[in-house]
């Protein structure tokens, strides 16, 4: 692919994720950063999947990029990281794989159904594992400043007679 094709996909991905953020009622000041994170990760996914021909690795690396940048922006904007992760993952969701899996199942082509379903499951797992690893690492390296939130214990509350 040429530079202009990647640039076109970057712009389209940015606009589509920005539109999704508006529909999802995301905070206005997070629309552009969330859209740019998503587009950057999608371009990285496309480059790895086309050049290295490693689809699951491409999904994993793109998800790590989304998660790391989301954790950084969460601290900058003082918002939860899910505000940036959720829209960022949207272009990576393996919807075509799910659709093709169900199509092969309906057509009674069970060998292709199993192949597509397993591949889609691995892609979903790669995305989930990447987000979990980065989130757990970020929480252990940069804990909350106020520490652990206090536990609300019912037995310790004093009741008024």
C-alpha atoms as a PDB file:
ATOM      1  CA  UNK A   1       0.000   0.000   0.000  1.00  0.00           C
ATOM      2  CA  UNK A   2       1.104   3.523  -0.657  1.00  0.00           C
ATOM      3  CA  UNK A   3       1.436   6.370   1.787  1.00  0.00           C
ATOM      4  CA  UNK A   4      -1.719   8.017   0.424  1.00  0.00           C
ATOM      5  CA  UNK A   5      -3.804   4.908   1.025  1.00  0.00           C
ATOM      6  CA  UNK A   6      -2.622   4.786   4.632  1.00  0.00           C
ATOM      7  CA  UNK A   7      -3.309   8.524   4.976  1.00  0.00           C
ATOM      8  CA  UNK A   8      -6.812   8.070   3.564  1.00  0.00           C
ATOM      9  CA  UNK A   9      -7.527   5.206   5.979  1.00  0.00           C
ATOM     10  CA  UNK A  10      -6.154   7.306   8.849  1.00  0.00           C
ATOM     11  CA  UNK A  11      -8.520  10.180   8.045  1.00  0.00           C
ATOM     12  CA  UNK A  12     -11.533   7.906   7.552  1.00  0.00           C
ATOM     13  CA  UNK A  13     -10.805   6.054  10.799  1.00  0.00           C
ATOM     14  CA  UNK A  14     -10.398   9.329  12.691  1.00  0.00           C
ATOM     15  CA  UNK A  15     -13.704  10.675  11.376  1.00  0.00           C
ATOM     16  CA  UNK A  16     -15.618   7.466  11.996  1.00  0.00           C
ATOM     17  CA  UNK A  17     -14.359   7.031  15.556  1.00  0.00           C
ATOM     18  CA  UNK A  18     -14.997  10.719  16.234  1.00  0.00           C
ATOM     19  CA  UNK A  19     -18.577  10.249  15.030  1.00  0.00           C
ATOM     20  CA  UNK A  20     -18.913   7.196  17.250  1.00  0.00           C
ATOM     21  CA  UNK A  21     -17.629   9.205  20.225  1.00  0.00           C
ATOM     22  CA  UNK A  22     -20.268  11.852  19.563  1.00  0.00           C
ATOM     23  CA  UNK A  23     -22.981   9.191  19.422  1.00  0.00           C
ATOM     24  CA  UNK A  24     -21.650   7.579  22.598  1.00  0.00           C
ATOM     25  CA  UNK A  25     -21.763  10.998  24.316  1.00  0.00           C
ATOM     26  CA  UNK A  26     -18.065  11.061  25.185  1.00  0.00           C
ATOM     27  CA  UNK A  27     -16.687  14.186  26.841  1.00  0.00           C
ATOM     28  CA  UNK A  28     -16.066  16.831  24.187  1.00  0.00           C
ATOM     29  CA  UNK A  29     -12.419  17.414  25.086  1.00  0.00           C
ATOM     30  CA  UNK A  30     -11.621  13.718  24.568  1.00  0.00           C
ATOM     31  CA  UNK A  31     -13.083  13.341  21.062  1.00  0.00           C
ATOM     32  CA  UNK A  32      -9.958  14.244  19.096  1.00  0.00           C
ATOM     33  CA  UNK A  33      -7.428  12.330  21.230  1.00  0.00           C
ATOM     34  CA  UNK A  34      -9.577   9.189  21.268  1.00  0.00           C
ATOM     35  CA  UNK A  35     -10.056   9.398  17.509  1.00  0.00           C
ATOM     36  CA  UNK A  36      -6.358   9.914  16.831  1.00  0.00           C
ATOM     37  CA  UNK A  37      -5.362   7.008  19.106  1.00  0.00           C
ATOM     38  CA  UNK A  38      -7.767   4.767  17.267  1.00  0.00           C
ATOM     39  CA  UNK A  39      -6.573   5.818  13.831  1.00  0.00           C
ATOM     40  CA  UNK A  40      -2.909   5.423  14.771  1.00  0.00           C
ATOM     41  CA  UNK A  41      -3.503   1.945  16.164  1.00  0.00           C
ATOM     42  CA  UNK A  42      -5.515   0.961  13.092  1.00  0.00           C
ATOM     43  CA  UNK A  43      -2.710   2.048  10.768  1.00  0.00           C
ATOM     44  CA  UNK A  44      -0.199   0.070  12.853  1.00  0.00           C
ATOM     45  CA  UNK A  45      -2.529  -2.933  12.615  1.00  0.00           C
ATOM     46  CA  UNK A  46      -2.757  -2.568   8.820  1.00  0.00           C
ATOM     47  CA  UNK A  47       1.014  -2.218   8.399  1.00  0.00           C
ATOM     48  CA  UNK A  48       1.778  -5.308  10.496  1.00  0.00           C
ATOM     49  CA  UNK A  49      -0.979  -7.439   9.020  1.00  0.00           C
ATOM     50  CA  UNK A  50      -0.068  -6.583   5.426  1.00  0.00           C
ATOM     51  CA  UNK A  51       3.729  -6.580   5.662  1.00  0.00           C
ATOM     52  CA  UNK A  52       4.336  -9.305   8.264  1.00  0.00           C
ATOM     53  CA  UNK A  53       1.170 -11.310   7.472  1.00  0.00           C
ATOM     54  CA  UNK A  54       0.640 -11.926  11.202  1.00  0.00           C
ATOM     55  CA  UNK A  55      -2.955 -10.943  11.876  1.00  0.00           C
ATOM     56  CA  UNK A  56      -3.225 -11.869  15.560  1.00  0.00           C
ATOM     57  CA  UNK A  57       0.104 -10.172  16.348  1.00  0.00           C
ATOM     58  CA  UNK A  58      -1.141  -7.066  14.530  1.00  0.00           C
ATOM     59  CA  UNK A  59      -4.290  -6.976  16.668  1.00  0.00           C
ATOM     60  CA  UNK A  60      -2.239  -7.467  19.836  1.00  0.00           C
ATOM     61  CA  UNK A  61       0.263  -4.690  19.042  1.00  0.00           C
ATOM     62  CA  UNK A  62      -2.499  -2.278  18.007  1.00  0.00           C
ATOM     63  CA  UNK A  63      -4.384  -3.016  21.224  1.00  0.00           C
ATOM     64  CA  UNK A  64      -1.245  -2.432  23.294  1.00  0.00           C
ATOM     65  CA  UNK A  65      -0.770   0.926  21.563  1.00  0.00           C
ATOM     66  CA  UNK A  66      -4.376   1.893  22.277  1.00  0.00           C
ATOM     67  CA  UNK A  67      -4.086   0.834  25.910  1.00  0.00           C
ATOM     68  CA  UNK A  68      -0.765   2.562  26.607  1.00  0.00           C
ATOM     69  CA  UNK A  69      -1.836   5.823  25.000  1.00  0.00           C
ATOM     70  CA  UNK A  70      -5.197   5.608  26.781  1.00  0.00           C
ATOM     71  CA  UNK A  71      -3.523   5.234  30.156  1.00  0.00           C
ATOM     72  CA  UNK A  72      -1.291   8.230  29.408  1.00  0.00           C
ATOM     73  CA  UNK A  73      -4.187  10.383  28.236  1.00  0.00           C
ATOM     74  CA  UNK A  74      -6.310   9.293  31.193  1.00  0.00           C
ATOM     75  CA  UNK A  75      -3.767  10.867  33.487  1.00  0.00           C
ATOM     76  CA  UNK A  76      -3.400  13.993  31.358  1.00  0.00           C
ATOM     77  CA  UNK A  77      -7.157  14.601  31.042  1.00  0.00           C
ATOM     78  CA  UNK A  78      -7.962  13.194  34.511  1.00  0.00           C
ATOM     79  CA  UNK A  79     -10.591  10.864  33.050  1.00  0.00           C
ATOM     80  CA  UNK A  80     -11.016   7.086  33.188  1.00  0.00           C
ATOM     81  CA  UNK A  81      -8.925   5.225  30.630  1.00  0.00           C
ATOM     82  CA  UNK A  82     -12.016   3.468  29.286  1.00  0.00           C
ATOM     83  CA  UNK A  83     -13.098   6.754  27.704  1.00  0.00           C
ATOM     84  CA  UNK A  84     -10.119   6.361  25.359  1.00  0.00           C
ATOM     85  CA  UNK A  85      -9.928   2.549  25.160  1.00  0.00           C
ATOM     86  CA  UNK A  86     -13.526   1.889  24.188  1.00  0.00           C
ATOM     87  CA  UNK A  87     -13.590   4.056  21.037  1.00  0.00           C
ATOM     88  CA  UNK A  88     -10.056   2.988  20.194  1.00  0.00           C
ATOM     89  CA  UNK A  89     -10.964  -0.674  20.019  1.00  0.00           C
ATOM     90  CA  UNK A  90     -13.975  -0.110  17.723  1.00  0.00           C
ATOM     91  CA  UNK A  91     -12.034  -0.317  14.418  1.00  0.00           C
ATOM     92  CA  UNK A  92     -10.288  -3.481  15.624  1.00  0.00           C
ATOM     93  CA  UNK A  93     -13.425  -5.436  16.542  1.00  0.00           C
ATOM     94  CA  UNK A  94     -13.455  -8.570  14.354  1.00  0.00           C
ATOM     95  CA  UNK A  95     -17.010  -8.105  13.109  1.00  0.00           C
ATOM     96  CA  UNK A  96     -16.313  -9.588   9.687  1.00  0.00           C
ATOM     97  CA  UNK A  97     -14.926 -12.726  11.316  1.00  0.00           C
ATOM     98  CA  UNK A  98     -18.051 -13.086  13.443  1.00  0.00           C
ATOM     99  CA  UNK A  99     -20.263 -12.538  10.409  1.00  0.00           C
ATOM    100  CA  UNK A 100     -18.367 -15.068   8.297  1.00  0.00           C
ATOM    101  CA  UNK A 101     -18.434 -17.606  11.140  1.00  0.00           C
ATOM    102  CA  UNK A 102     -22.211 -17.413  11.330  1.00  0.00           C
ATOM    103  CA  UNK A 103     -22.504 -17.476   7.542  1.00  0.00           C
ATOM    104  CA  UNK A 104     -20.504 -20.716   7.331  1.00  0.00           C
ATOM    105  CA  UNK A 105     -22.566 -22.194  10.156  1.00  0.00           C
ATOM    106  CA  UNK A 106     -25.819 -21.398   8.364  1.00  0.00           C
ATOM    107  CA  UNK A 107     -24.447 -22.859   5.118  1.00  0.00           C
ATOM    108  CA  UNK A 108     -23.478 -26.058   7.004  1.00  0.00           C
ATOM    109  CA  UNK A 109     -19.795 -25.615   6.117  1.00  0.00           C
ATOM    110  CA  UNK A 110     -18.578 -26.716   9.525  1.00  0.00           C
ATOM    111  CA  UNK A 111     -14.867 -26.864   8.762  1.00  0.00           C
ATOM    112  CA  UNK A 112     -14.813 -23.224   7.628  1.00  0.00           C
ATOM    113  CA  UNK A 113     -17.068 -22.288  10.551  1.00  0.00           C
ATOM    114  CA  UNK A 114     -14.605 -23.753  13.032  1.00  0.00           C
ATOM    115  CA  UNK A 115     -11.625 -22.140  11.289  1.00  0.00           C
ATOM    116  CA  UNK A 116     -13.216 -18.665  11.219  1.00  0.00           C
ATOM    117  CA  UNK A 117     -14.658 -18.954  14.731  1.00  0.00           C
ATOM    118  CA  UNK A 118     -11.328 -20.019  16.234  1.00  0.00           C
ATOM    119  CA  UNK A 119      -9.481 -17.228  14.420  1.00  0.00           C
ATOM    120  CA  UNK A 120     -12.055 -14.682  15.606  1.00  0.00           C
ATOM    121  CA  UNK A 121     -11.803 -16.030  19.145  1.00  0.00           C
ATOM    122  CA  UNK A 122      -7.999 -15.691  19.072  1.00  0.00           C
ATOM    123  CA  UNK A 123      -8.289 -12.122  17.770  1.00  0.00           C
ATOM    124  CA  UNK A 124     -10.750 -11.214  20.520  1.00  0.00           C
ATOM    125  CA  UNK A 125      -8.480 -12.853  23.075  1.00  0.00           C
ATOM    126  CA  UNK A 126      -5.446 -10.947  21.790  1.00  0.00           C
ATOM    127  CA  UNK A 127      -7.307  -7.655  22.133  1.00  0.00           C
ATOM    128  CA  UNK A 128      -8.551  -8.492  25.635  1.00  0.00           C
ATOM    129  CA  UNK A 129      -5.172  -9.753  26.847  1.00  0.00           C
ATOM    130  CA  UNK A 130      -3.355  -6.685  25.513  1.00  0.00           C
ATOM    131  CA  UNK A 131      -5.765  -4.309  27.248  1.00  0.00           C
ATOM    132  CA  UNK A 132      -5.607  -6.309  30.498  1.00  0.00           C
ATOM    133  CA  UNK A 133      -1.807  -6.499  30.560  1.00  0.00           C
ATOM    134  CA  UNK A 134      -1.378  -2.767  30.011  1.00  0.00           C
ATOM    135  CA  UNK A 135      -4.123  -1.892  32.500  1.00  0.00           C
ATOM    136  CA  UNK A 136      -2.708  -4.132  35.233  1.00  0.00           C
ATOM    137  CA  UNK A 137       0.827  -2.882  34.598  1.00  0.00           C
ATOM    138  CA  UNK A 138      -0.291   0.751  34.701  1.00  0.00           C
ATOM    139  CA  UNK A 139      -2.194   0.231  37.943  1.00  0.00           C
ATOM    140  CA  UNK A 140       0.751  -1.497  39.615  1.00  0.00           C
ATOM    141  CA  UNK A 141       3.387   0.998  38.425  1.00  0.00           C
ATOM    142  CA  UNK A 142       1.245   4.123  38.924  1.00  0.00           C
ATOM    143  CA  UNK A 143      -1.168   3.468  41.796  1.00  0.00           C
ATOM    144  CA  UNK A 144      -3.859   5.936  42.775  1.00  0.00           C
ATOM    145  CA  UNK A 145      -2.576   8.908  44.746  1.00  0.00           C
ATOM    146  CA  UNK A 146      -5.208   8.592  47.442  1.00  0.00           C
ATOM    147  CA  UNK A 147      -4.530   4.881  47.920  1.00  0.00           C
ATOM    148  CA  UNK A 148      -7.153   2.212  48.242  1.00  0.00           C
ATOM    149  CA  UNK A 149     -10.691   3.432  48.525  1.00  0.00           C
ATOM    150  CA  UNK A 150     -12.195   2.803  51.967  1.00  0.00           C
ATOM    151  CA  UNK A 151     -14.537  -0.128  52.303  1.00  0.00           C
ATOM    152  CA  UNK A 152     -18.043   0.776  53.348  1.00  0.00           C
ATOM    153  CA  UNK A 153     -18.817  -1.638  56.183  1.00  0.00           C
ATOM    154  CA  UNK A 154     -22.382  -1.821  57.351  1.00  0.00           C
ATOM    155  CA  UNK A 155     -21.448  -3.262  60.739  1.00  0.00           C
ATOM    156  CA  UNK A 156     -19.302  -0.223  61.578  1.00  0.00           C
ATOM    157  CA  UNK A 157     -22.071   2.297  60.936  1.00  0.00           C
ATOM    158  CA  UNK A 158     -23.757   3.731  63.993  1.00  0.00           C
ATOM    159  CA  UNK A 159     -27.481   3.707  63.868  1.00  0.00           C
ATOM    160  CA  UNK A 160     -29.467   6.501  65.412  1.00  0.00           C
ATOM    161  CA  UNK A 161     -32.190   5.268  67.833  1.00  0.00           C
END
